[in-house]
Structures are given as C-alpha cells and as structure tokens.
C-alpha atoms as a PDB file:
ATOM      1  CA  MET A   1     -43.920 -19.099  -6.212  1.00  0.00           C
ATOM      2  CA  LYS A   2     -42.948 -17.834  -2.741  1.00  0.00           C
ATOM      3  CA  SER A   3     -40.068 -20.297  -2.573  1.00  0.00           C
ATOM      4  CA  PHE A   4     -38.807 -19.121  -5.974  1.00  0.00           C
ATOM      5  CA  ILE A   5     -38.819 -15.491  -4.796  1.00  0.00           C
ATOM      6  CA  ALA A   6     -37.058 -16.478  -1.574  1.00  0.00           C
ATOM      7  CA  LEU A   7     -34.344 -18.347  -3.513  1.00  0.00           C
ATOM      8  CA  ALA A   8     -33.901 -15.394  -5.867  1.00  0.00           C
ATOM      9  CA  LEU A   9     -33.492 -12.987  -2.948  1.00  0.00           C
ATOM     10  CA  ILE A  10     -30.976 -15.288  -1.261  1.00  0.00           C
ATOM     11  CA  GLY A  11     -29.008 -15.507  -4.512  1.00  0.00           C
ATOM     12  CA  PHE A  12     -28.922 -11.736  -4.956  1.00  0.00           C
ATOM     13  CA  SER A  13     -27.916 -11.136  -1.337  1.00  0.00           C
ATOM     14  CA  THR A  14     -25.094 -13.685  -1.660  1.00  0.00           C
ATOM     15  CA  LEU A  15     -23.796 -11.919  -4.768  1.00  0.00           C
ATOM     16  CA  ALA A  16     -24.002  -8.545  -3.043  1.00  0.00           C
ATOM     17  CA  ALA A  17     -22.087  -9.881  -0.029  1.00  0.00           C
ATOM     18  CA  ALA A  18     -19.409 -11.350  -2.295  1.00  0.00           C
ATOM     19  CA  ASP A  19     -18.874  -7.932  -3.896  1.00  0.00           C
ATOM     20  CA  GLU A  20     -18.257  -6.379  -0.480  1.00  0.00           C
ATOM     21  CA  LEU A  21     -15.589  -8.902   0.499  1.00  0.00           C
ATOM     22  CA  GLN A  22     -12.088  -7.695  -0.146  1.00  0.00           C
ATOM     23  CA  VAL A  23      -9.483 -10.291  -0.944  1.00  0.00           C
ATOM     24  CA  ALA A  24      -6.454  -9.824   1.300  1.00  0.00           C
ATOM     25  CA  GLN A  25      -3.369  -9.290  -0.808  1.00  0.00           C
ATOM     26  CA  PRO A  26      -0.021 -10.410   0.557  1.00  0.00           C
ATOM     27  CA  GLN A  27       2.197  -7.681   1.983  1.00  0.00           C
ATOM     28  CA  PRO A  28       4.929  -6.787  -0.545  1.00  0.00           C
ATOM     29  CA  VAL A  29       8.553  -7.483   0.325  1.00  0.00           C
ATOM     30  CA  VAL A  30      10.508  -4.402   1.434  1.00  0.00           C
ATOM     31  CA  GLU A  31      12.946  -3.420  -1.302  1.00  0.00           C
ATOM     32  CA  HIS A  32      16.117  -1.523  -0.331  1.00  0.00           C
ATOM     33  CA  TYR A  33      16.991   1.450  -2.544  1.00  0.00           C
ATOM     34  CA  THR A  34      20.381   1.712  -4.249  1.00  0.00           C
ATOM     35  CA  TYR A  35      21.537   4.081  -6.972  1.00  0.00           C
ATOM     36  CA  ALA A  36      21.113   1.222  -9.457  1.00  0.00           C
ATOM     37  CA  THR A  37      17.430   0.700  -8.533  1.00  0.00           C
ATOM     38  CA  ASN A  38      15.111   1.282 -11.498  1.00  0.00           C
ATOM     39  CA  LEU A  39      11.965   2.919 -10.159  1.00  0.00           C
ATOM     40  CA  ASP A  40       8.562   2.614 -11.833  1.00  0.00           C
ATOM     41  CA  ILE A  41       6.344   4.801  -9.645  1.00  0.00           C
ATOM     42  CA  ALA A  42       2.860   5.504 -10.936  1.00  0.00           C
ATOM     43  CA  LYS A  43       1.214   6.433  -7.623  1.00  0.00           C
ATOM     44  CA  VAL A  44       2.658   7.107  -4.161  1.00  0.00           C
ATOM     45  CA  ILE A  45       0.389   5.625  -1.505  1.00  0.00           C
ATOM     46  CA  SER A  46       2.249   6.608   1.673  1.00  0.00           C
ATOM     47  CA  VAL A  47       5.578   7.849   2.993  1.00  0.00           C
ATOM     48  CA  SER A  48       6.733   7.183   6.548  1.00  0.00           C
ATOM     49  CA  PRO A  49       7.306  10.221   8.779  1.00  0.00           C
ATOM     50  CA  THR A  50      10.911  11.369   9.279  1.00  0.00           C
ATOM     51  CA  ASP A  51      12.303  11.196  12.825  1.00  0.00           C
ATOM     52  CA  ASP A  52      13.279  14.380  14.714  1.00  0.00           C
ATOM     53  CA  VAL A  53      16.962  13.465  15.033  1.00  0.00           C
ATOM     54  CA  CYS A  54      20.097  14.934  13.500  1.00  0.00           C
ATOM     55  CA  GLU A  55      21.321  11.863  11.650  1.00  0.00           C
ATOM     56  CA  VAL A  56      20.525   9.705   8.660  1.00  0.00           C
ATOM     57  CA  VAL A  57      17.519   7.441   9.338  1.00  0.00           C
ATOM     58  CA  PRO A  58      15.585   4.847   7.330  1.00  0.00           C
ATOM     59  CA  ALA A  59      12.296   5.820   5.675  1.00  0.00           C
ATOM     60  CA  GLN A  60       9.762   3.843   3.666  1.00  0.00           C
ATOM     61  CA  MET A  61       7.585   4.688   0.692  1.00  0.00           C
ATOM     62  CA  THR A  62       4.668   2.526  -0.410  1.00  0.00           C
ATOM     63  CA  TYR A  63       3.774   2.955  -4.069  1.00  0.00           C
ATOM     64  CA  GLU A  64       2.109   1.304  -7.057  1.00  0.00           C
ATOM     65  CA  ASP A  65       3.894   0.787 -10.355  1.00  0.00           C
ATOM     66  CA  HIS A  66       2.325   1.219 -13.798  1.00  0.00           C
ATOM     67  CA  GLN A  67       1.118  -2.414 -13.754  1.00  0.00           C
ATOM     68  CA  GLY A  68      -0.779  -1.853 -10.479  1.00  0.00           C
ATOM     69  CA  GLN A  69       1.662  -3.853  -8.329  1.00  0.00           C
ATOM     70  CA  ARG A  70       2.270  -2.480  -4.840  1.00  0.00           C
ATOM     71  CA  HIS A  71       5.855  -2.001  -3.604  1.00  0.00           C
ATOM     72  CA  ILE A  72       7.519  -0.876  -0.380  1.00  0.00           C
ATOM     73  CA  LEU A  73      10.822   0.916  -0.873  1.00  0.00           C
ATOM     74  CA  GLU A  74      13.164   1.567   2.047  1.00  0.00           C
ATOM     75  CA  TYR A  75      15.694   4.367   1.657  1.00  0.00           C
ATOM     76  CA  ARG A  76      17.834   6.637   3.871  1.00  0.00           C
ATOM     77  CA  VAL A  77      16.963  10.254   4.638  1.00  0.00           C
ATOM     78  CA  MET A  78      18.379  12.979   6.900  1.00  0.00           C
ATOM     79  CA  GLY A  79      16.309  13.438  10.057  1.00  0.00           C
ATOM     80  CA  ASN A  80      14.405  16.634  10.860  1.00  0.00           C
ATOM     81  CA  GLY A  81      16.188  17.348  14.149  1.00  0.00           C
ATOM     82  CA  CYS A  82      19.144  19.402  12.909  1.00  0.00           C
ATOM     83  CA  SER A  83      19.319  23.154  13.488  1.00  0.00           C
ATOM     84  CA  ASN A  84      21.502  25.736  11.742  1.00  0.00           C
ATOM     85  CA  GLY A  85      22.747  27.510  14.807  1.00  0.00           C
END
C-alpha cells in the first residue's frame, strides 16, 4: 500500500512539473514594413524605444495577430532629438 501511494505521489508531482515547463517558441522573423504590408494586429506586446536623435531611425514592434501568432515588425520613425528652435 505504501508503494502504491509513493507511486501515485510521484506521478502527480511529474504532472505538476510538466505543467510548469514552458515550451520555448522560436523567435519570429523580423518583417520589414512597407505601405503594401497588410497588418493583422490583435495585441501589441512591446515597442522599442525611440532614439534621441534628429533623424529617421528604425523601430520594432512585437505583436500577436488574431490567430495568436507572434510577429516582429520593423519600421522607420523620426527620432525624439529634434527641437523647434
């Protein structure tokens, strides 16, 4: 009886440990934005910070589409370092 209880506890602990493991998903390929790009953005996960320069710089947005697939979109944005005076 003790061995049965021990086996049951080992089985439950193995199942609990398997639930805590996260399967590593491959990093998505960086897609480059063009005006012809069709965007399907359901949830924005992160946006890279914009540099403090007065020129156009690359930025990246990580998002999920409506099917739950993760994407990384690279686009161009004006830097934050320009002043009006």
